[in-house]
Amino acid sequence: QREISKSLRTRNLKQAKAITFIKGDIKAYDDETESPVLIGKIQLYYCDMLSACINGRSLFEVMDGHSATLEEFFAILYNPTTEEMKPFVSELLDIEIDECDKNILIFNRIEILPDYRDHGITKQVVNHCIRLFSNNCNVIALQCYPLQLSKLDEEEIDDIQWHNSLQLDKLEQDKKKAQKSLSSYYKSLGFIRIPRTNFMLIKK
């Protein structure tokens, strides 16, 4: 049992070096109170696949072992045999195949409170995060799926009060309309949709 436990700890440490989960608060300065106020939250993954390769780790094992979310991205973007990024990535982003580093920055969730939507805040946050966290990444990805369509159990929600304050039930509930609207928004930021999927990419 001690050997198994040691093995699991070692495996988790190696994965931790390859996958960095980033989450933070989005705040705006309030002129009246002269202090920052919470207006949103964000989650990202920085996937240092080059380090995983150097350490002799399988990229599939690293991403699949971390979460089902990252396993989906691996299935879409990487060749399961060679573990190189698929050729369509370079074609879609119009960059050389050798510029498609294994490293990738993934936007997981961006949540903005109702009063602060439609003010260009998401665009600012996306651009800032790309500048801040995309070191050694040429490819940035996200899964374009409206938050209001995500079915989460209360046990999966860290802060039920925050979740309720987002008022997701007041957003468009028609799947096709909501999907089209969100996709159009990210296209306006420069993201390109992978055909026949709801995954989108942008080059650094």
Protein backbone atom coordinates (compact mmCIF):
# COMPACT_ATOMS: atom_id res chain seq x y z
CA GLN A 1 0.00 0.00 0.00
CA ARG A 2 2.87 2.36 0.79
CA GLU A 3 4.42 1.66 -2.61
CA ILE A 4 1.10 2.30 -4.39
CA SER A 5 0.62 5.52 -2.42
CA LYS A 6 4.16 6.64 -3.27
CA SER A 7 3.58 5.86 -6.94
CA LEU A 8 0.37 7.90 -7.00
CA ARG A 9 2.04 10.86 -5.31
CA THR A 10 4.89 10.75 -7.82
CA ARG A 11 2.42 10.56 -10.71
CA ASN A 12 0.43 13.51 -9.37
CA LEU A 13 3.58 15.60 -8.95
CA LYS A 14 4.57 14.96 -12.55
CA GLN A 15 1.10 15.87 -13.73
CA ALA A 16 1.12 19.00 -11.60
CA LYS A 17 4.28 20.15 -13.36
CA ALA A 18 2.61 19.74 -16.74
CA ILE A 19 -0.87 21.09 -15.96
CA THR A 20 -1.37 24.36 -14.12
CA PHE A 21 -4.94 25.19 -13.15
CA ILE A 22 -5.42 28.95 -12.97
CA LYS A 23 -8.45 30.57 -11.42
CA GLY A 24 -9.04 34.11 -10.31
CA ASP A 25 -11.41 36.96 -9.64
CA ILE A 26 -12.22 39.65 -12.19
CA LYS A 27 -12.49 43.03 -10.50
CA ALA A 28 -13.32 46.55 -11.61
CA TYR A 29 -12.57 49.83 -9.89
CA ASP A 30 -15.65 51.51 -8.40
CA ASP A 31 -15.37 55.31 -8.56
CA GLU A 32 -17.94 55.81 -5.82
CA THR A 33 -16.37 53.53 -3.23
CA GLU A 34 -12.86 54.07 -4.60
CA SER A 35 -12.20 50.36 -4.28
CA PRO A 36 -12.23 47.25 -6.51
CA VAL A 37 -15.45 45.23 -6.76
CA LEU A 38 -15.88 41.62 -7.83
CA ILE A 39 -17.55 41.42 -11.25
CA GLY A 40 -16.55 38.00 -12.50
CA LYS A 41 -14.42 34.87 -12.24
CA ILE A 42 -12.20 32.96 -14.64
CA GLN A 43 -10.62 29.50 -14.96
CA LEU A 44 -7.82 28.43 -17.30
CA TYR A 45 -5.42 25.55 -17.86
CA TYR A 46 -1.80 26.04 -18.85
CA CYS A 47 -0.69 22.74 -20.34
CA ASP A 48 3.10 22.47 -20.40
CA MET A 49 3.28 19.51 -22.71
CA LEU A 50 6.96 20.09 -23.52
CA SER A 51 7.87 19.40 -19.90
CA ALA A 52 5.73 16.27 -19.99
CA CYS A 53 7.63 15.03 -23.05
CA ILE A 54 11.00 15.80 -21.47
CA ASN A 55 9.95 13.77 -18.42
CA GLY A 56 8.91 10.88 -20.63
CA ARG A 57 5.21 11.28 -19.91
CA SER A 58 2.44 10.35 -22.29
CA LEU A 59 0.49 13.49 -23.20
CA PHE A 60 -2.72 11.50 -23.24
CA GLU A 61 -2.07 10.17 -19.73
CA VAL A 62 -1.27 13.66 -18.48
CA MET A 63 -4.43 15.24 -19.88
CA ASP A 64 -6.78 12.31 -19.38
CA GLY A 65 -5.42 11.74 -15.87
CA HIS A 66 -6.10 15.35 -14.96
CA SER A 67 -9.73 15.72 -16.04
CA ALA A 68 -12.37 14.73 -18.57
CA THR A 69 -12.27 18.32 -19.85
CA LEU A 70 -8.61 18.10 -20.86
CA GLU A 71 -9.12 14.63 -22.32
CA GLU A 72 -11.65 16.18 -24.71
CA PHE A 73 -9.12 18.76 -25.85
CA PHE A 74 -6.49 16.06 -26.37
CA ALA A 75 -8.88 14.05 -28.53
CA ILE A 76 -9.65 17.08 -30.67
CA LEU A 77 -6.17 18.58 -31.03
CA TYR A 78 -3.57 15.82 -30.75
CA ASN A 79 -2.73 12.78 -32.84
CA PRO A 80 -3.22 9.83 -30.45
CA THR A 81 -0.32 7.89 -32.01
CA THR A 82 2.38 10.54 -32.39
CA GLU A 83 0.97 12.94 -29.75
CA GLU A 84 1.79 15.83 -32.08
CA MET A 85 -0.79 18.49 -32.79
CA LYS A 86 -2.92 17.52 -35.75
CA PRO A 87 -2.07 19.23 -39.09
CA PHE A 88 -5.40 21.04 -39.25
CA VAL A 89 -4.30 23.24 -36.33
CA SER A 90 -1.52 24.87 -38.36
CA GLU A 91 -3.80 25.11 -41.41
CA LEU A 92 -6.62 26.69 -39.43
CA LEU A 93 -4.37 29.23 -37.72
CA ASP A 94 -2.17 29.81 -40.78
CA ILE A 95 1.09 29.08 -38.99
CA GLU A 96 3.89 26.63 -39.76
CA ILE A 97 3.46 23.13 -38.36
CA ASP A 98 6.68 23.46 -36.35
CA GLU A 99 5.28 26.59 -34.72
CA CYS A 100 2.46 24.53 -33.18
CA ASP A 101 4.25 23.90 -29.91
CA LYS A 102 2.84 21.17 -27.77
CA ASN A 103 2.09 23.73 -25.06
CA ILE A 104 -1.44 25.08 -25.03
CA LEU A 105 -3.48 27.58 -23.03
CA ILE A 106 -7.11 26.62 -22.50
CA PHE A 107 -9.92 28.91 -21.33
CA ASN A 108 -12.25 26.80 -19.21
CA ARG A 109 -14.83 29.25 -17.76
CA ILE A 110 -15.41 32.98 -17.89
CA GLU A 111 -18.22 34.23 -15.65
CA ILE A 112 -19.38 37.85 -15.64
CA LEU A 113 -22.11 39.25 -13.39
CA PRO A 114 -25.26 40.49 -15.22
CA ASP A 115 -24.69 44.22 -14.56
CA TYR A 116 -21.26 44.06 -16.22
CA ARG A 117 -22.08 42.07 -19.35
CA ASP A 118 -21.96 43.65 -22.81
CA HIS A 119 -19.28 46.16 -21.79
CA GLY A 120 -16.30 44.51 -23.49
CA ILE A 121 -14.95 43.08 -20.24
CA THR A 122 -14.60 39.52 -21.53
CA LYS A 123 -12.48 40.76 -24.44
CA GLN A 124 -10.18 42.62 -22.05
CA VAL A 125 -9.89 39.59 -19.79
CA VAL A 126 -9.16 37.19 -22.66
CA ASN A 127 -6.47 39.46 -24.12
CA HIS A 128 -4.91 40.06 -20.71
CA CYS A 129 -4.80 36.34 -19.88
CA ILE A 130 -3.22 35.53 -23.25
CA ARG A 131 -0.49 38.10 -22.61
CA LEU A 132 0.01 36.91 -19.05
CA PHE A 133 -0.21 33.12 -19.28
CA SER A 134 0.62 32.03 -22.83
CA ASN A 135 4.39 31.79 -22.41
CA ASN A 136 5.77 29.28 -24.96
CA CYS A 137 2.26 28.72 -26.36
CA ASN A 138 1.31 29.49 -29.94
CA VAL A 139 -2.13 27.92 -29.64
CA ILE A 140 -4.94 29.09 -27.34
CA ALA A 141 -8.16 27.08 -27.19
CA LEU A 142 -11.61 27.02 -25.68
CA GLN A 143 -14.79 24.99 -25.89
CA CYS A 144 -17.57 27.32 -26.96
CA TYR A 145 -20.45 26.16 -24.79
CA PRO A 146 -22.90 28.57 -23.09
CA LEU A 147 -22.72 28.44 -19.30
CA GLN A 148 -26.51 28.48 -19.00
CA LEU A 149 -26.67 25.13 -20.80
CA SER A 150 -24.21 23.45 -18.44
CA LYS A 151 -25.99 21.07 -16.11
CA LEU A 152 -24.24 21.10 -12.75
CA ASP A 153 -25.28 19.41 -9.55
CA GLU A 154 -25.16 21.58 -6.44
CA GLU A 155 -22.32 19.37 -5.19
CA GLU A 156 -20.24 20.47 -8.21
CA ILE A 157 -20.72 24.17 -7.47
CA ASP A 158 -18.11 25.64 -5.13
CA ASP A 159 -20.14 28.73 -4.26
CA ILE A 160 -23.90 28.35 -4.73
CA GLN A 161 -24.52 32.04 -3.87
CA TRP A 162 -22.11 33.16 -6.59
CA HIS A 163 -23.63 30.70 -9.07
CA ASN A 164 -27.12 32.08 -8.38
CA SER A 165 -25.91 35.67 -8.74
CA LEU A 166 -24.94 34.95 -12.36
CA GLN A 167 -28.65 34.58 -13.21
CA LEU A 168 -27.92 32.06 -15.94
CA ASP A 169 -31.60 31.17 -16.14
CA LYS A 170 -32.27 34.61 -17.63
CA LEU A 171 -29.90 34.03 -20.55
CA GLU A 172 -30.98 32.49 -23.86
CA GLN A 173 -32.09 28.91 -23.20
CA ASP A 174 -32.53 27.80 -26.81
CA LYS A 175 -29.42 25.72 -27.48
CA LYS A 176 -28.96 26.65 -31.14
CA LYS A 177 -29.48 30.37 -30.57
CA ALA A 178 -27.26 30.46 -27.49
CA GLN A 179 -24.52 28.48 -29.23
CA LYS A 180 -24.62 30.66 -32.34
CA SER A 181 -24.51 33.87 -30.32
CA LEU A 182 -21.54 32.76 -28.21
CA SER A 183 -19.67 31.43 -31.24
CA SER A 184 -20.19 34.73 -33.07
CA TYR A 185 -18.89 36.61 -30.05
CA TYR A 186 -15.64 34.63 -29.88
CA LYS A 187 -15.24 34.94 -33.65
CA SER A 188 -15.32 38.71 -33.14
CA LEU A 189 -12.35 38.28 -30.78
CA GLY A 190 -10.41 36.38 -33.45
CA PHE A 191 -11.15 32.78 -32.47
CA ILE A 192 -11.69 30.27 -35.28
CA ARG A 193 -14.11 27.37 -34.92
CA ILE A 194 -12.89 23.86 -35.64
CA PRO A 195 -15.37 22.55 -38.24
CA ARG A 196 -18.10 20.25 -36.94
CA THR A 197 -17.17 20.94 -33.31
CA ASN A 198 -17.78 23.63 -30.70
CA PHE A 199 -14.05 24.00 -30.05
CA MET A 200 -12.33 27.24 -31.10
CA LEU A 201 -8.69 28.29 -31.52
CA ILE A 202 -6.68 31.46 -31.78
CA LYS A 203 -2.97 31.91 -32.34
CA LYS A 204 -0.92 33.96 -29.91
